[in-house]
Each structure stands twice: as C-alpha cells, then as structure tokens.
N, C-alpha and C. Protein backbone atom coordinates (compact mmCIF):
# COMPACT_ATOMS: atom_id res chain seq x y z
N MET A 1 -59.75 -117.42 84.18
CA MET A 1 -58.86 -116.69 85.04
C MET A 1 -59.26 -115.22 85.10
N GLY A 2 -59.67 -114.65 83.95
CA GLY A 2 -60.06 -113.26 83.92
C GLY A 2 -61.35 -113.00 84.67
N SER A 3 -62.23 -113.99 84.72
CA SER A 3 -63.51 -113.79 85.41
C SER A 3 -63.35 -113.80 86.92
N ARG A 4 -62.32 -114.46 87.44
CA ARG A 4 -62.13 -114.50 88.88
C ARG A 4 -61.54 -113.21 89.44
N ASN A 5 -60.79 -112.48 88.64
CA ASN A 5 -60.14 -111.27 89.14
C ASN A 5 -60.21 -110.17 88.08
N PRO A 6 -61.39 -109.62 87.83
CA PRO A 6 -61.51 -108.62 86.76
C PRO A 6 -60.81 -107.31 87.09
N GLU A 7 -60.67 -106.98 88.38
CA GLU A 7 -60.00 -105.73 88.75
C GLU A 7 -58.54 -105.73 88.31
N LYS A 8 -57.91 -106.90 88.45
CA LYS A 8 -56.50 -107.02 88.05
C LYS A 8 -56.34 -106.74 86.56
N TRP A 9 -57.21 -107.34 85.74
CA TRP A 9 -57.12 -107.17 84.29
C TRP A 9 -57.49 -105.75 83.88
N LEU A 10 -58.41 -105.16 84.59
CA LEU A 10 -58.78 -103.78 84.30
C LEU A 10 -57.60 -102.85 84.60
N TYR A 11 -56.94 -103.10 85.74
CA TYR A 11 -55.78 -102.29 86.10
C TYR A 11 -54.67 -102.45 85.07
N LEU A 12 -54.36 -103.69 84.70
CA LEU A 12 -53.28 -103.93 83.73
C LEU A 12 -53.59 -103.33 82.37
N SER A 13 -54.85 -103.41 81.96
CA SER A 13 -55.20 -102.80 80.67
C SER A 13 -55.11 -101.28 80.75
N GLY A 14 -55.46 -100.71 81.89
CA GLY A 14 -55.30 -99.27 82.08
C GLY A 14 -53.85 -98.84 82.03
N VAL A 15 -52.97 -99.63 82.65
CA VAL A 15 -51.53 -99.34 82.61
C VAL A 15 -51.02 -99.43 81.17
N ALA A 16 -51.47 -100.44 80.44
CA ALA A 16 -51.05 -100.59 79.04
C ALA A 16 -51.51 -99.41 78.20
N VAL A 17 -52.75 -98.98 78.38
CA VAL A 17 -53.27 -97.84 77.62
C VAL A 17 -52.50 -96.58 77.98
N MET A 18 -52.22 -96.38 79.27
CA MET A 18 -51.45 -95.19 79.68
C MET A 18 -50.04 -95.23 79.09
N GLY A 19 -49.45 -96.41 79.06
CA GLY A 19 -48.13 -96.54 78.46
C GLY A 19 -48.13 -96.19 76.98
N LEU A 20 -49.15 -96.66 76.27
CA LEU A 20 -49.26 -96.32 74.85
C LEU A 20 -49.51 -94.83 74.65
N LEU A 21 -50.35 -94.24 75.48
CA LEU A 21 -50.59 -92.80 75.37
C LEU A 21 -49.31 -92.01 75.64
N MET A 22 -48.55 -92.43 76.66
CA MET A 22 -47.27 -91.76 76.94
C MET A 22 -46.33 -91.89 75.75
N LEU A 23 -46.30 -93.08 75.17
CA LEU A 23 -45.43 -93.32 74.03
C LEU A 23 -45.75 -92.39 72.87
N PHE A 24 -47.04 -92.22 72.58
CA PHE A 24 -47.43 -91.35 71.47
C PHE A 24 -47.38 -89.87 71.84
N ALA A 25 -47.65 -89.56 73.09
CA ALA A 25 -47.70 -88.15 73.50
C ALA A 25 -46.32 -87.54 73.66
N ILE A 26 -45.41 -88.24 74.30
CA ILE A 26 -44.11 -87.63 74.59
C ILE A 26 -42.95 -88.32 73.90
N GLY A 27 -43.20 -89.38 73.20
CA GLY A 27 -42.14 -90.01 72.42
C GLY A 27 -41.46 -91.13 73.18
N TRP A 28 -40.82 -92.01 72.44
CA TRP A 28 -40.20 -93.18 73.04
C TRP A 28 -39.01 -92.86 73.93
N PRO A 29 -38.20 -91.81 73.68
CA PRO A 29 -37.07 -91.57 74.60
C PRO A 29 -37.53 -91.29 76.04
N ALA A 30 -38.63 -90.56 76.16
CA ALA A 30 -39.13 -90.26 77.51
C ALA A 30 -39.64 -91.52 78.19
N VAL A 31 -40.26 -92.40 77.45
CA VAL A 31 -40.76 -93.65 78.03
C VAL A 31 -39.59 -94.53 78.47
N VAL A 32 -38.56 -94.60 77.64
CA VAL A 32 -37.37 -95.37 78.00
C VAL A 32 -36.71 -94.76 79.24
N LEU A 33 -36.61 -93.45 79.27
CA LEU A 33 -36.04 -92.77 80.44
C LEU A 33 -36.85 -93.05 81.69
N ALA A 34 -38.17 -93.03 81.57
CA ALA A 34 -39.03 -93.33 82.72
C ALA A 34 -38.85 -94.78 83.17
N ALA A 35 -38.72 -95.70 82.24
CA ALA A 35 -38.51 -97.11 82.59
C ALA A 35 -37.17 -97.30 83.28
N VAL A 36 -36.13 -96.65 82.78
CA VAL A 36 -34.81 -96.74 83.41
C VAL A 36 -34.84 -96.13 84.81
N ALA A 37 -35.49 -94.98 84.95
CA ALA A 37 -35.61 -94.35 86.27
C ALA A 37 -36.37 -95.24 87.23
N SER A 38 -37.41 -95.88 86.75
CA SER A 38 -38.18 -96.80 87.60
C SER A 38 -37.33 -97.99 88.02
N ALA A 39 -36.57 -98.55 87.09
CA ALA A 39 -35.70 -99.69 87.42
C ALA A 39 -34.63 -99.27 88.43
N LEU A 40 -34.03 -98.09 88.22
CA LEU A 40 -33.02 -97.62 89.17
C LEU A 40 -33.62 -97.36 90.55
N GLY A 41 -34.86 -96.86 90.57
CA GLY A 41 -35.53 -96.66 91.85
C GLY A 41 -35.77 -97.97 92.58
N SER A 42 -36.14 -99.01 91.83
CA SER A 42 -36.35 -100.32 92.43
C SER A 42 -35.05 -100.88 92.98
N VAL A 43 -33.98 -100.75 92.22
CA VAL A 43 -32.68 -101.22 92.69
C VAL A 43 -32.25 -100.43 93.92
N GLY A 44 -32.47 -99.12 93.89
CA GLY A 44 -32.15 -98.30 95.06
C GLY A 44 -32.93 -98.72 96.28
N PHE A 45 -34.19 -99.06 96.11
CA PHE A 45 -35.00 -99.53 97.23
C PHE A 45 -34.42 -100.82 97.80
N LEU A 46 -34.03 -101.76 96.93
CA LEU A 46 -33.47 -103.03 97.40
C LEU A 46 -32.15 -102.82 98.13
N ILE A 47 -31.33 -101.90 97.63
CA ILE A 47 -30.05 -101.61 98.29
C ILE A 47 -30.31 -100.99 99.67
N ALA A 48 -31.23 -100.04 99.74
CA ALA A 48 -31.55 -99.42 101.02
C ALA A 48 -32.11 -100.44 102.00
N ARG A 49 -32.93 -101.35 101.49
CA ARG A 49 -33.50 -102.38 102.36
C ARG A 49 -32.41 -103.30 102.91
N ALA A 50 -31.44 -103.67 102.06
CA ALA A 50 -30.33 -104.52 102.51
C ALA A 50 -29.48 -103.79 103.54
N ALA A 51 -29.23 -102.51 103.29
CA ALA A 51 -28.43 -101.73 104.25
C ALA A 51 -29.15 -101.60 105.59
N ARG A 52 -30.46 -101.35 105.53
CA ARG A 52 -31.24 -101.24 106.77
C ARG A 52 -31.24 -102.56 107.54
N ARG A 53 -31.36 -103.66 106.81
CA ARG A 53 -31.36 -104.97 107.45
C ARG A 53 -30.02 -105.25 108.12
N GLY A 54 -28.94 -104.96 107.41
CA GLY A 54 -27.61 -105.19 107.99
C GLY A 54 -27.33 -104.29 109.18
N ALA A 55 -27.71 -103.02 109.08
CA ALA A 55 -27.47 -102.08 110.18
C ALA A 55 -28.30 -102.45 111.41
N SER A 56 -29.55 -102.83 111.20
CA SER A 56 -30.37 -103.19 112.36
C SER A 56 -29.88 -104.48 113.00
N ALA A 57 -29.35 -105.41 112.20
CA ALA A 57 -28.78 -106.64 112.76
C ALA A 57 -27.54 -106.33 113.58
N LEU A 58 -26.72 -105.39 113.12
CA LEU A 58 -25.54 -105.01 113.89
C LEU A 58 -25.94 -104.35 115.21
N ARG A 59 -26.96 -103.48 115.16
CA ARG A 59 -27.43 -102.83 116.40
C ARG A 59 -28.01 -103.85 117.38
N ALA A 60 -28.59 -104.91 116.86
CA ALA A 60 -29.20 -105.93 117.72
C ALA A 60 -28.16 -106.92 118.25
N GLY A 61 -26.89 -106.71 117.91
CA GLY A 61 -25.84 -107.59 118.40
C GLY A 61 -25.70 -108.87 117.61
N LYS A 62 -26.15 -108.88 116.39
CA LYS A 62 -26.08 -110.09 115.55
C LYS A 62 -24.97 -109.96 114.51
N GLY A 63 -23.88 -109.32 114.88
CA GLY A 63 -22.78 -109.08 113.95
C GLY A 63 -22.00 -110.32 113.58
N ARG A 64 -22.23 -111.42 114.28
CA ARG A 64 -21.49 -112.65 113.97
C ARG A 64 -22.22 -113.48 112.92
N ARG A 65 -23.43 -113.11 112.57
CA ARG A 65 -24.20 -113.87 111.57
C ARG A 65 -23.74 -113.52 110.16
N PRO A 66 -23.51 -114.52 109.33
CA PRO A 66 -23.09 -114.25 107.95
C PRO A 66 -24.12 -113.46 107.15
N GLY A 67 -25.41 -113.66 107.45
CA GLY A 67 -26.46 -112.95 106.72
C GLY A 67 -26.36 -111.44 106.90
N THR A 68 -25.91 -111.01 108.09
CA THR A 68 -25.72 -109.58 108.35
C THR A 68 -24.67 -109.00 107.42
N TRP A 69 -23.56 -109.68 107.32
CA TRP A 69 -22.46 -109.18 106.48
C TRP A 69 -22.78 -109.33 105.00
N LEU A 70 -23.56 -110.34 104.67
CA LEU A 70 -24.00 -110.48 103.28
C LEU A 70 -24.85 -109.28 102.88
N ALA A 71 -25.77 -108.88 103.76
CA ALA A 71 -26.62 -107.71 103.47
C ALA A 71 -25.79 -106.44 103.37
N LEU A 72 -24.83 -106.26 104.27
CA LEU A 72 -24.00 -105.05 104.24
C LEU A 72 -23.10 -105.01 103.01
N GLY A 73 -22.53 -106.15 102.63
CA GLY A 73 -21.71 -106.20 101.42
C GLY A 73 -22.53 -105.96 100.17
N ALA A 74 -23.75 -106.54 100.16
CA ALA A 74 -24.64 -106.36 99.01
C ALA A 74 -25.12 -104.92 98.90
N ALA A 75 -25.16 -104.20 100.00
CA ALA A 75 -25.57 -102.80 99.95
C ALA A 75 -24.40 -101.88 99.63
N THR A 76 -23.21 -102.21 100.09
CA THR A 76 -22.04 -101.35 99.90
C THR A 76 -21.56 -101.34 98.46
N ALA A 77 -21.46 -102.50 97.85
CA ALA A 77 -20.86 -102.59 96.51
C ALA A 77 -21.60 -101.77 95.45
N PRO A 78 -22.92 -101.84 95.31
CA PRO A 78 -23.55 -101.05 94.25
C PRO A 78 -23.53 -99.55 94.50
N VAL A 79 -23.62 -99.14 95.76
CA VAL A 79 -23.57 -97.70 96.06
C VAL A 79 -22.18 -97.16 95.74
N ALA A 80 -21.15 -97.91 96.14
CA ALA A 80 -19.79 -97.49 95.83
C ALA A 80 -19.53 -97.51 94.33
N LEU A 81 -20.10 -98.49 93.62
CA LEU A 81 -19.95 -98.54 92.17
C LEU A 81 -20.59 -97.33 91.51
N LEU A 82 -21.75 -96.92 92.00
CA LEU A 82 -22.39 -95.72 91.47
C LEU A 82 -21.51 -94.49 91.71
N GLY A 83 -20.95 -94.36 92.90
CA GLY A 83 -20.04 -93.25 93.19
C GLY A 83 -18.81 -93.29 92.29
N LEU A 84 -18.29 -94.49 92.06
CA LEU A 84 -17.13 -94.66 91.19
C LEU A 84 -17.46 -94.21 89.77
N LEU A 85 -18.59 -94.65 89.24
CA LEU A 85 -18.97 -94.31 87.87
C LEU A 85 -19.24 -92.82 87.70
N VAL A 86 -19.93 -92.23 88.66
CA VAL A 86 -20.24 -90.80 88.56
C VAL A 86 -18.97 -89.97 88.64
N SER A 87 -18.11 -90.25 89.61
CA SER A 87 -16.89 -89.46 89.74
C SER A 87 -15.95 -89.69 88.56
N TYR A 88 -15.89 -90.92 88.05
CA TYR A 88 -15.05 -91.17 86.89
C TYR A 88 -15.58 -90.42 85.67
N ALA A 89 -16.91 -90.39 85.51
CA ALA A 89 -17.50 -89.67 84.38
C ALA A 89 -17.21 -88.18 84.47
N VAL A 90 -17.26 -87.62 85.69
CA VAL A 90 -16.94 -86.19 85.87
C VAL A 90 -15.51 -85.93 85.41
N GLY A 91 -14.59 -86.81 85.79
CA GLY A 91 -13.19 -86.62 85.39
C GLY A 91 -12.95 -86.90 83.92
N ALA A 92 -13.57 -87.94 83.39
CA ALA A 92 -13.34 -88.33 82.00
C ALA A 92 -13.89 -87.30 81.03
N PHE A 93 -15.00 -86.65 81.40
CA PHE A 93 -15.60 -85.67 80.50
C PHE A 93 -15.24 -84.24 80.85
N ALA A 94 -14.27 -84.05 81.75
CA ALA A 94 -13.82 -82.70 82.07
C ALA A 94 -13.15 -82.11 80.83
N GLY A 95 -13.61 -80.98 80.40
CA GLY A 95 -13.07 -80.37 79.20
C GLY A 95 -13.93 -80.59 77.99
N ALA A 96 -14.90 -81.47 78.08
CA ALA A 96 -15.85 -81.75 77.02
C ALA A 96 -15.12 -82.08 75.72
N LEU A 97 -15.67 -81.66 74.61
CA LEU A 97 -15.09 -82.01 73.31
C LEU A 97 -14.12 -80.95 72.80
N ASP A 98 -14.34 -79.71 73.13
CA ASP A 98 -13.48 -78.64 72.64
C ASP A 98 -12.61 -78.13 73.79
N MET A 99 -11.35 -78.57 73.78
CA MET A 99 -10.43 -78.22 74.88
C MET A 99 -10.15 -76.72 74.92
N ARG A 100 -10.00 -76.12 73.77
CA ARG A 100 -9.70 -74.67 73.74
C ARG A 100 -10.81 -73.88 74.44
N LYS A 101 -12.07 -74.18 74.11
CA LYS A 101 -13.18 -73.48 74.75
C LYS A 101 -13.24 -73.76 76.24
N ALA A 102 -13.00 -75.03 76.61
CA ALA A 102 -13.05 -75.40 78.03
C ALA A 102 -11.98 -74.65 78.82
N CYS A 103 -10.81 -74.49 78.24
CA CYS A 103 -9.74 -73.74 78.92
C CYS A 103 -10.09 -72.25 78.99
N MET A 104 -10.71 -71.72 77.94
CA MET A 104 -11.12 -70.32 77.96
C MET A 104 -12.18 -70.06 79.02
N VAL A 105 -13.10 -70.99 79.16
CA VAL A 105 -14.14 -70.84 80.18
C VAL A 105 -13.51 -70.77 81.57
N GLN A 106 -12.46 -71.54 81.77
CA GLN A 106 -11.76 -71.53 83.06
C GLN A 106 -10.74 -70.40 83.16
N GLN A 107 -10.67 -69.57 82.13
CA GLN A 107 -9.74 -68.43 82.04
C GLN A 107 -8.29 -68.89 82.17
N GLU A 108 -7.99 -69.98 81.45
CA GLU A 108 -6.63 -70.52 81.39
C GLU A 108 -6.19 -70.56 79.94
N SER A 109 -4.89 -70.44 79.73
CA SER A 109 -4.37 -70.49 78.36
C SER A 109 -4.24 -71.95 77.91
N TYR A 110 -4.54 -72.17 76.64
CA TYR A 110 -4.43 -73.49 76.05
C TYR A 110 -3.06 -73.62 75.41
N ASP A 111 -2.27 -74.60 75.84
CA ASP A 111 -0.91 -74.80 75.33
C ASP A 111 -0.88 -76.10 74.53
N ALA A 112 -1.01 -76.00 73.19
CA ALA A 112 -1.05 -77.18 72.33
C ALA A 112 0.27 -77.95 72.37
N GLY A 113 1.39 -77.25 72.48
CA GLY A 113 2.70 -77.90 72.54
C GLY A 113 2.84 -78.76 73.80
N TYR A 114 2.40 -78.23 74.92
CA TYR A 114 2.45 -79.00 76.18
C TYR A 114 1.57 -80.25 76.07
N ARG A 115 0.39 -80.09 75.49
CA ARG A 115 -0.53 -81.23 75.36
C ARG A 115 0.05 -82.30 74.44
N GLN A 116 0.77 -81.90 73.37
CA GLN A 116 1.38 -82.89 72.49
C GLN A 116 2.52 -83.62 73.20
N GLN A 117 3.33 -82.90 73.96
CA GLN A 117 4.44 -83.52 74.68
C GLN A 117 3.95 -84.50 75.74
N HIS A 118 2.86 -84.19 76.38
CA HIS A 118 2.35 -85.00 77.49
C HIS A 118 1.06 -85.73 77.13
N ALA A 119 0.89 -86.08 75.87
CA ALA A 119 -0.34 -86.75 75.43
C ALA A 119 -0.52 -88.10 76.10
N GLY A 120 0.56 -88.83 76.31
CA GLY A 120 0.47 -90.14 76.96
C GLY A 120 -0.02 -90.05 78.39
N GLU A 121 0.32 -88.98 79.07
CA GLU A 121 -0.10 -88.78 80.46
C GLU A 121 -1.62 -88.59 80.55
N MET A 122 -2.20 -87.97 79.54
CA MET A 122 -3.63 -87.68 79.57
C MET A 122 -4.48 -88.79 78.96
N ASP A 123 -3.83 -89.83 78.40
CA ASP A 123 -4.56 -90.94 77.80
C ASP A 123 -4.73 -92.12 78.75
N HIS A 124 -4.19 -92.02 79.97
CA HIS A 124 -4.31 -93.11 80.94
C HIS A 124 -5.73 -93.21 81.48
N TRP A 125 -6.11 -94.43 81.87
CA TRP A 125 -7.41 -94.64 82.48
C TRP A 125 -7.44 -94.08 83.90
N PHE A 126 -6.29 -94.17 84.59
CA PHE A 126 -6.20 -93.66 85.95
C PHE A 126 -4.75 -93.36 86.24
N PRO A 127 -4.43 -92.28 86.89
CA PRO A 127 -5.26 -91.16 87.32
C PRO A 127 -5.68 -90.30 86.12
N LEU A 128 -6.82 -89.68 86.26
CA LEU A 128 -7.38 -88.87 85.19
C LEU A 128 -6.73 -87.49 85.17
N HIS A 129 -6.33 -87.06 83.97
CA HIS A 129 -5.79 -85.71 83.79
C HIS A 129 -6.28 -85.17 82.45
N ASN A 130 -6.53 -83.89 82.39
CA ASN A 130 -6.88 -83.21 81.14
C ASN A 130 -6.39 -81.77 81.30
N LYS A 131 -5.12 -81.56 80.99
CA LYS A 131 -4.48 -80.28 81.30
C LYS A 131 -4.55 -79.30 80.14
N CYS A 132 -4.83 -78.05 80.51
CA CYS A 132 -4.78 -76.95 79.53
C CYS A 132 -3.33 -76.56 79.28
N ASN A 133 -2.56 -76.54 80.34
CA ASN A 133 -1.14 -76.16 80.28
C ASN A 133 -0.43 -76.87 81.44
N ALA A 134 0.80 -76.51 81.70
CA ALA A 134 1.56 -77.18 82.75
C ALA A 134 1.00 -76.93 84.14
N ASP A 135 0.25 -75.85 84.32
CA ASP A 135 -0.19 -75.46 85.65
C ASP A 135 -1.66 -75.75 85.96
N PHE A 136 -2.48 -76.04 84.95
CA PHE A 136 -3.91 -76.15 85.21
C PHE A 136 -4.49 -77.44 84.62
N ASP A 137 -5.17 -78.19 85.46
CA ASP A 137 -5.83 -79.44 85.07
C ASP A 137 -7.34 -79.23 85.14
N LEU A 138 -8.04 -79.59 84.06
CA LEU A 138 -9.50 -79.44 84.04
C LEU A 138 -10.21 -80.48 84.91
N VAL A 139 -9.55 -81.59 85.20
CA VAL A 139 -10.14 -82.61 86.07
C VAL A 139 -10.09 -82.08 87.50
N PRO A 140 -11.23 -82.00 88.18
CA PRO A 140 -11.22 -81.49 89.56
C PRO A 140 -10.33 -82.33 90.47
N GLY A 141 -9.75 -81.70 91.45
CA GLY A 141 -8.82 -82.37 92.35
C GLY A 141 -9.43 -83.49 93.17
N TRP A 142 -10.71 -83.48 93.38
CA TRP A 142 -11.35 -84.50 94.21
C TRP A 142 -11.63 -85.79 93.46
N VAL A 143 -11.58 -85.76 92.12
CA VAL A 143 -12.03 -86.91 91.32
C VAL A 143 -11.16 -88.15 91.54
N ASN A 144 -9.85 -88.04 91.41
CA ASN A 144 -8.99 -89.22 91.52
C ASN A 144 -9.04 -89.86 92.90
N PRO A 145 -8.99 -89.10 94.01
CA PRO A 145 -9.14 -89.76 95.32
C PRO A 145 -10.49 -90.45 95.50
N VAL A 146 -11.56 -89.83 95.02
CA VAL A 146 -12.88 -90.44 95.16
C VAL A 146 -12.97 -91.72 94.32
N VAL A 147 -12.39 -91.70 93.12
CA VAL A 147 -12.39 -92.90 92.29
C VAL A 147 -11.64 -94.03 93.01
N ALA A 148 -10.50 -93.72 93.61
CA ALA A 148 -9.72 -94.74 94.31
C ALA A 148 -10.47 -95.27 95.54
N ILE A 149 -11.08 -94.38 96.32
CA ILE A 149 -11.81 -94.81 97.51
C ILE A 149 -13.02 -95.65 97.12
N CYS A 150 -13.76 -95.22 96.12
CA CYS A 150 -14.94 -95.99 95.69
C CYS A 150 -14.55 -97.34 95.12
N ALA A 151 -13.43 -97.41 94.40
CA ALA A 151 -12.96 -98.70 93.88
C ALA A 151 -12.63 -99.64 95.04
N GLY A 152 -11.99 -99.10 96.08
CA GLY A 152 -11.71 -99.91 97.27
C GLY A 152 -12.98 -100.37 97.96
N LEU A 153 -13.98 -99.49 98.04
CA LEU A 153 -15.24 -99.87 98.67
C LEU A 153 -15.99 -100.92 97.85
N VAL A 154 -15.93 -100.81 96.52
CA VAL A 154 -16.56 -101.84 95.67
C VAL A 154 -15.89 -103.18 95.94
N ALA A 155 -14.56 -103.19 95.95
CA ALA A 155 -13.84 -104.44 96.20
C ALA A 155 -14.17 -104.99 97.59
N ALA A 156 -14.20 -104.12 98.60
CA ALA A 156 -14.52 -104.57 99.96
C ALA A 156 -15.94 -105.12 100.04
N GLY A 157 -16.89 -104.45 99.39
CA GLY A 157 -18.27 -104.92 99.39
C GLY A 157 -18.42 -106.27 98.72
N VAL A 158 -17.77 -106.45 97.57
CA VAL A 158 -17.86 -107.72 96.85
C VAL A 158 -17.20 -108.84 97.65
N ILE A 159 -16.03 -108.57 98.21
CA ILE A 159 -15.33 -109.59 99.00
C ILE A 159 -16.14 -109.94 100.24
N THR A 160 -16.69 -108.92 100.92
CA THR A 160 -17.50 -109.17 102.11
C THR A 160 -18.72 -110.00 101.77
N ALA A 161 -19.40 -109.65 100.71
CA ALA A 161 -20.59 -110.41 100.31
C ALA A 161 -20.23 -111.84 99.92
N ALA A 162 -19.12 -112.02 99.21
CA ALA A 162 -18.71 -113.37 98.78
C ALA A 162 -18.34 -114.24 99.98
N VAL A 163 -17.54 -113.69 100.90
CA VAL A 163 -17.14 -114.46 102.09
C VAL A 163 -18.36 -114.77 102.95
N ALA A 164 -19.24 -113.80 103.12
CA ALA A 164 -20.45 -114.03 103.92
C ALA A 164 -21.36 -115.06 103.26
N ALA A 165 -21.46 -115.03 101.94
CA ALA A 165 -22.30 -116.02 101.24
C ALA A 165 -21.75 -117.42 101.44
N VAL A 166 -20.42 -117.58 101.33
CA VAL A 166 -19.81 -118.89 101.54
C VAL A 166 -20.03 -119.35 102.99
N ALA A 167 -19.84 -118.43 103.95
CA ALA A 167 -20.06 -118.78 105.35
C ALA A 167 -21.53 -119.12 105.61
N HIS A 168 -22.43 -118.39 104.98
CA HIS A 168 -23.86 -118.64 105.14
C HIS A 168 -24.24 -120.02 104.60
N ILE A 169 -23.71 -120.39 103.45
CA ILE A 169 -23.97 -121.70 102.87
C ILE A 169 -23.40 -122.80 103.76
N ALA A 170 -22.16 -122.60 104.24
CA ALA A 170 -21.55 -123.60 105.12
C ALA A 170 -22.36 -123.76 106.40
N LEU A 171 -22.86 -122.67 106.95
CA LEU A 171 -23.66 -122.72 108.17
C LEU A 171 -24.97 -123.47 107.93
N ARG A 172 -25.61 -123.23 106.79
CA ARG A 172 -26.85 -123.93 106.46
C ARG A 172 -26.60 -125.43 106.30
N ARG A 173 -25.49 -125.81 105.68
CA ARG A 173 -25.16 -127.23 105.54
C ARG A 173 -24.92 -127.87 106.90
N LYS A 174 -24.25 -127.14 107.76
CA LYS A 174 -23.97 -127.63 109.11
C LYS A 174 -25.28 -127.81 109.88
N GLN A 175 -26.22 -126.90 109.71
CA GLN A 175 -27.50 -127.01 110.40
C GLN A 175 -28.31 -128.19 109.89
N ARG A 176 -28.23 -128.50 108.61
CA ARG A 176 -28.96 -129.64 108.06
C ARG A 176 -28.41 -130.96 108.58
N ARG A 177 -27.10 -131.01 108.83
CA ARG A 177 -26.49 -132.25 109.33
C ARG A 177 -26.66 -132.42 110.83
N CYS A 178 -27.03 -131.35 111.53
CA CYS A 178 -27.15 -131.37 112.99
C CYS A 178 -28.38 -132.20 113.39
N PRO A 179 -28.24 -133.18 114.30
CA PRO A 179 -29.41 -133.96 114.76
C PRO A 179 -30.43 -133.06 115.44
N PRO A 180 -31.71 -133.44 115.39
CA PRO A 180 -32.76 -132.60 115.95
C PRO A 180 -32.67 -132.36 117.45
N ASP A 181 -32.04 -133.27 118.21
CA ASP A 181 -31.99 -133.10 119.65
C ASP A 181 -30.90 -132.13 120.09
N LEU A 182 -29.94 -131.80 119.21
CA LEU A 182 -28.90 -130.83 119.55
C LEU A 182 -29.35 -129.43 119.20
N PRO A 183 -28.89 -128.44 119.94
CA PRO A 183 -29.27 -127.05 119.61
C PRO A 183 -28.66 -126.63 118.28
N ARG A 184 -29.39 -125.86 117.54
CA ARG A 184 -28.93 -125.39 116.22
C ARG A 184 -28.01 -124.19 116.40
N VAL A 185 -27.08 -124.05 115.45
CA VAL A 185 -26.20 -122.88 115.42
C VAL A 185 -26.98 -121.73 114.82
N ASP A 186 -26.90 -120.54 115.44
CA ASP A 186 -27.65 -119.39 114.98
C ASP A 186 -27.05 -118.82 113.71
N SER A 187 -27.88 -118.43 112.74
CA SER A 187 -27.36 -117.88 111.48
C SER A 187 -27.30 -116.40 111.53
C-alpha cells in the first residue's frame, strides 16, 4: 500500500513530525488549543455549508422540500447554542471571583447586607443577576434577553430539524413504494 502512494505517506509523516515538534516547542496546551480551534473551524464550515444550502434552496423556490428545512434547522441550532453559551458565560462570570473589587471597578458601593438578604435571587440559573447593591447589577442588561432569544432559537432549530427529518424519511419511503411508471414526488 505504501509503495503505490508514497506522497501520501510522506505527507502524513511530515504532519506527524510537525505535530511532535509543536508539542515539544510550545507545549501540550497550545497543541490542544490548536486541535480544538481546528475542530471548531470544521464544525463552523459545516454549519455555514448547511445554511448556504438551505438559503439557496429557499431562493430557488424549493421551500416545500424537507431537506431545505433540515439544512436550515441544522444550521440554526448550533449557532444559536453558541450565542446562548457565550452570553450566559458573560452573565455568569460578571463580577469575577472578588465582588468587592468588581464593584469598585464599576465605581459602585458593595453592600454585603443587601447581598445576604437577596442571596437566593442571585443563585438562580435564570434570569442572571449579580448585584453590588440595590441599584446596580454587574450582569449587563442585554444578557438575559439574548439568553432567552437564543434558547428559543435553539429550540426552534432542533424542532425544525426533527420535523424535517421525519418528513424527509416519510417522503423517501413514499418514493420507494411508488411504481416506476408514476411520477416521483420531489424531495
């Protein structure tokens, strides 16, 4: 097998050597970070490709095909999930570890008594709050609406993809049962 395609093996061995050199030169965290970035880039490419396919099908007037909606749902859900996770992280980590310093940076007074009285309010998963005092919240005002909108888009994308997948499977079964002399239903 190696004798039929030596260029392939030469390329792969070069990639392996470069990977080992990177590992020793810059350390394993950088290699792991590069691998994660590469994987995210690949996923991003697939999402963009699905979105492009769905959008071009809609422009071509093929909006009734389940495959179009499957592609759009498959593209919407991960992008909305990424928006949900990023905005939630911004809100969850608002104030960092030292609340007193975070409030001082924002030039707000830190009220420990208020925080003790309202500790249950700030421990909820949603809506996110991290208040210095009764008047100032460290969580930006845009975070909770964006989290809610992105959660709705994730749900819509998943539901759209699931319904389209079921419709696509049903359409394929119907086409297999259709006799050859009858016209096929378009997918």
